[in-house]
Amino acid sequence: MKNEHERYNLANQRKLVGVLQILGALGVIISFFFSQPLLCLSSAGLELLMLAGFVVRLKIKDSFLQSLPSFFYAVLSFYVCYAALIDL
């Protein structure tokens, strides 16, 4: 992953991105048992991270197929957030 972040020209933000991804994932896992608003907030945060990853991949001229996983996870996170909002 270190090499990938260097390829994205984001080597200095690698730790921040990792911490945000871990916090988002923990928030989603914990909120399934305790809090719908936290589920929406956590999944929205992950959605933004994945959309940013998708944009970065397109910006560095990766193919759409190489960029597709980040887009898929952004859509999945959006769905989780939307479903959590409906259940509020």
C-alpha atoms as a PDB file:
ATOM      1  CA  MET A   1       0.000   0.000   0.000  1.00  0.00           C
ATOM      2  CA  LYS A   2       2.914   2.322   0.603  1.00  0.00           C
ATOM      3  CA  ASN A   3       3.910   2.083  -3.061  1.00  0.00           C
ATOM      4  CA  GLU A   4       0.319   2.636  -4.159  1.00  0.00           C
ATOM      5  CA  HIS A   5       0.035   5.845  -2.132  1.00  0.00           C
ATOM      6  CA  GLU A   6       3.273   7.048  -3.672  1.00  0.00           C
ATOM      7  CA  ARG A   7       1.841   6.289  -7.117  1.00  0.00           C
ATOM      8  CA  TYR A   8      -1.239   8.359  -6.212  1.00  0.00           C
ATOM      9  CA  ASN A   9       1.011  11.212  -5.014  1.00  0.00           C
ATOM     10  CA  LEU A  10      -0.572  10.893  -1.562  1.00  0.00           C
ATOM     11  CA  ALA A  11       2.284   9.365   0.426  1.00  0.00           C
ATOM     12  CA  ASN A  12       2.034  12.013   3.146  1.00  0.00           C
ATOM     13  CA  GLN A  13      -1.685  11.270   3.711  1.00  0.00           C
ATOM     14  CA  ARG A  14      -1.313   7.480   3.910  1.00  0.00           C
ATOM     15  CA  LYS A  15      -1.655   7.274   7.699  1.00  0.00           C
ATOM     16  CA  LEU A  16      -4.613   9.654   7.776  1.00  0.00           C
ATOM     17  CA  VAL A  17      -6.456   7.657   5.122  1.00  0.00           C
ATOM     18  CA  GLY A  18      -5.750   4.414   6.985  1.00  0.00           C
ATOM     19  CA  VAL A  19      -6.990   5.797  10.292  1.00  0.00           C
ATOM     20  CA  LEU A  20     -10.157   7.175   8.665  1.00  0.00           C
ATOM     21  CA  GLN A  21     -10.852   3.825   6.992  1.00  0.00           C
ATOM     22  CA  ILE A  22     -10.397   1.928  10.258  1.00  0.00           C
ATOM     23  CA  LEU A  23     -12.594   4.389  12.169  1.00  0.00           C
ATOM     24  CA  GLY A  24     -15.288   4.164   9.495  1.00  0.00           C
ATOM     25  CA  ALA A  25     -15.218   0.373   9.501  1.00  0.00           C
ATOM     26  CA  LEU A  26     -15.338   0.203  13.302  1.00  0.00           C
ATOM     27  CA  GLY A  27     -18.179   2.709  13.315  1.00  0.00           C
ATOM     28  CA  VAL A  28     -20.177   0.578  10.873  1.00  0.00           C
ATOM     29  CA  ILE A  29     -19.548  -2.633  12.833  1.00  0.00           C
ATOM     30  CA  ILE A  30     -20.381  -1.111  16.227  1.00  0.00           C
ATOM     31  CA  SER A  31     -23.402   0.781  14.952  1.00  0.00           C
ATOM     32  CA  PHE A  32     -25.067  -2.373  13.619  1.00  0.00           C
ATOM     33  CA  PHE A  33     -25.660  -3.269  17.260  1.00  0.00           C
ATOM     34  CA  PHE A  34     -26.219   0.115  18.886  1.00  0.00           C
ATOM     35  CA  SER A  35     -26.969   3.213  16.812  1.00  0.00           C
ATOM     36  CA  GLN A  36     -28.643   3.887  13.461  1.00  0.00           C
ATOM     37  CA  PRO A  37     -27.412   7.506  13.246  1.00  0.00           C
ATOM     38  CA  LEU A  38     -23.838   6.312  13.779  1.00  0.00           C
ATOM     39  CA  LEU A  39     -24.335   3.744  11.012  1.00  0.00           C
ATOM     40  CA  CYS A  40     -25.383   6.465   8.599  1.00  0.00           C
ATOM     41  CA  LEU A  41     -22.514   8.739   9.639  1.00  0.00           C
ATOM     42  CA  SER A  42     -19.886   5.992   9.412  1.00  0.00           C
ATOM     43  CA  SER A  43     -21.076   4.690   6.062  1.00  0.00           C
ATOM     44  CA  ALA A  44     -21.299   8.239   4.683  1.00  0.00           C
ATOM     45  CA  GLY A  45     -17.689   8.809   5.731  1.00  0.00           C
ATOM     46  CA  LEU A  46     -16.593   5.605   4.018  1.00  0.00           C
ATOM     47  CA  GLU A  47     -18.597   6.616   0.965  1.00  0.00           C
ATOM     48  CA  LEU A  48     -16.701   9.899   0.742  1.00  0.00           C
ATOM     49  CA  LEU A  49     -13.361   8.118   1.132  1.00  0.00           C
ATOM     50  CA  MET A  50     -14.230   5.655  -1.625  1.00  0.00           C
ATOM     51  CA  LEU A  51     -15.459   8.398  -3.952  1.00  0.00           C
ATOM     52  CA  ALA A  52     -12.223  10.280  -3.342  1.00  0.00           C
ATOM     53  CA  GLY A  53     -10.291   7.101  -4.112  1.00  0.00           C
ATOM     54  CA  PHE A  54     -12.260   6.657  -7.327  1.00  0.00           C
ATOM     55  CA  VAL A  55     -11.523  10.236  -8.404  1.00  0.00           C
ATOM     56  CA  VAL A  56      -7.825   9.867  -7.576  1.00  0.00           C
ATOM     57  CA  ARG A  57      -7.598   6.684  -9.646  1.00  0.00           C
ATOM     58  CA  LEU A  58      -9.259   8.358 -12.609  1.00  0.00           C
ATOM     59  CA  LYS A  59      -7.021  11.395 -12.171  1.00  0.00           C
ATOM     60  CA  ILE A  60      -3.840   9.289 -12.402  1.00  0.00           C
ATOM     61  CA  LYS A  61      -5.202   7.686 -15.573  1.00  0.00           C
ATOM     62  CA  ASP A  62      -6.022   4.229 -14.212  1.00  0.00           C
ATOM     63  CA  SER A  63      -8.544   2.390 -16.334  1.00  0.00           C
ATOM     64  CA  PHE A  64     -12.189   2.295 -15.335  1.00  0.00           C
ATOM     65  CA  LEU A  65     -11.850  -1.398 -14.473  1.00  0.00           C
ATOM     66  CA  GLN A  66      -8.982  -0.621 -12.112  1.00  0.00           C
ATOM     67  CA  SER A  67     -11.091   2.137 -10.557  1.00  0.00           C
ATOM     68  CA  LEU A  68     -14.276   0.077 -10.354  1.00  0.00           C
ATOM     69  CA  PRO A  69     -13.749  -1.437  -6.859  1.00  0.00           C
ATOM     70  CA  SER A  70     -13.614   1.976  -5.196  1.00  0.00           C
ATOM     71  CA  PHE A  71     -16.748   3.050  -7.068  1.00  0.00           C
ATOM     72  CA  PHE A  72     -18.536  -0.171  -6.080  1.00  0.00           C
ATOM     73  CA  TYR A  73     -17.677   0.334  -2.402  1.00  0.00           C
ATOM     74  CA  ALA A  74     -18.827   3.965  -2.590  1.00  0.00           C
ATOM     75  CA  VAL A  75     -22.197   2.829  -3.964  1.00  0.00           C
ATOM     76  CA  LEU A  76     -22.428   0.095  -1.324  1.00  0.00           C
ATOM     77  CA  SER A  77     -21.665   2.592   1.453  1.00  0.00           C
ATOM     78  CA  PHE A  78     -24.286   4.959   0.018  1.00  0.00           C
ATOM     79  CA  TYR A  79     -26.855   2.147   0.117  1.00  0.00           C
ATOM     80  CA  VAL A  80     -26.032   1.348   3.756  1.00  0.00           C
ATOM     81  CA  CYS A  81     -26.373   5.026   4.678  1.00  0.00           C
ATOM     82  CA  TYR A  82     -29.639   5.322   2.760  1.00  0.00           C
ATOM     83  CA  ALA A  83     -31.060   2.186   4.389  1.00  0.00           C
ATOM     84  CA  ALA A  84     -30.062   3.500   7.806  1.00  0.00           C
ATOM     85  CA  LEU A  85     -31.806   6.806   7.103  1.00  0.00           C
ATOM     86  CA  ILE A  86     -34.999   5.045   6.098  1.00  0.00           C
ATOM     87  CA  ASP A  87     -35.005   3.032   9.346  1.00  0.00           C
ATOM     88  CA  LEU A  88     -34.557   6.112  11.537  1.00  0.00           C
END
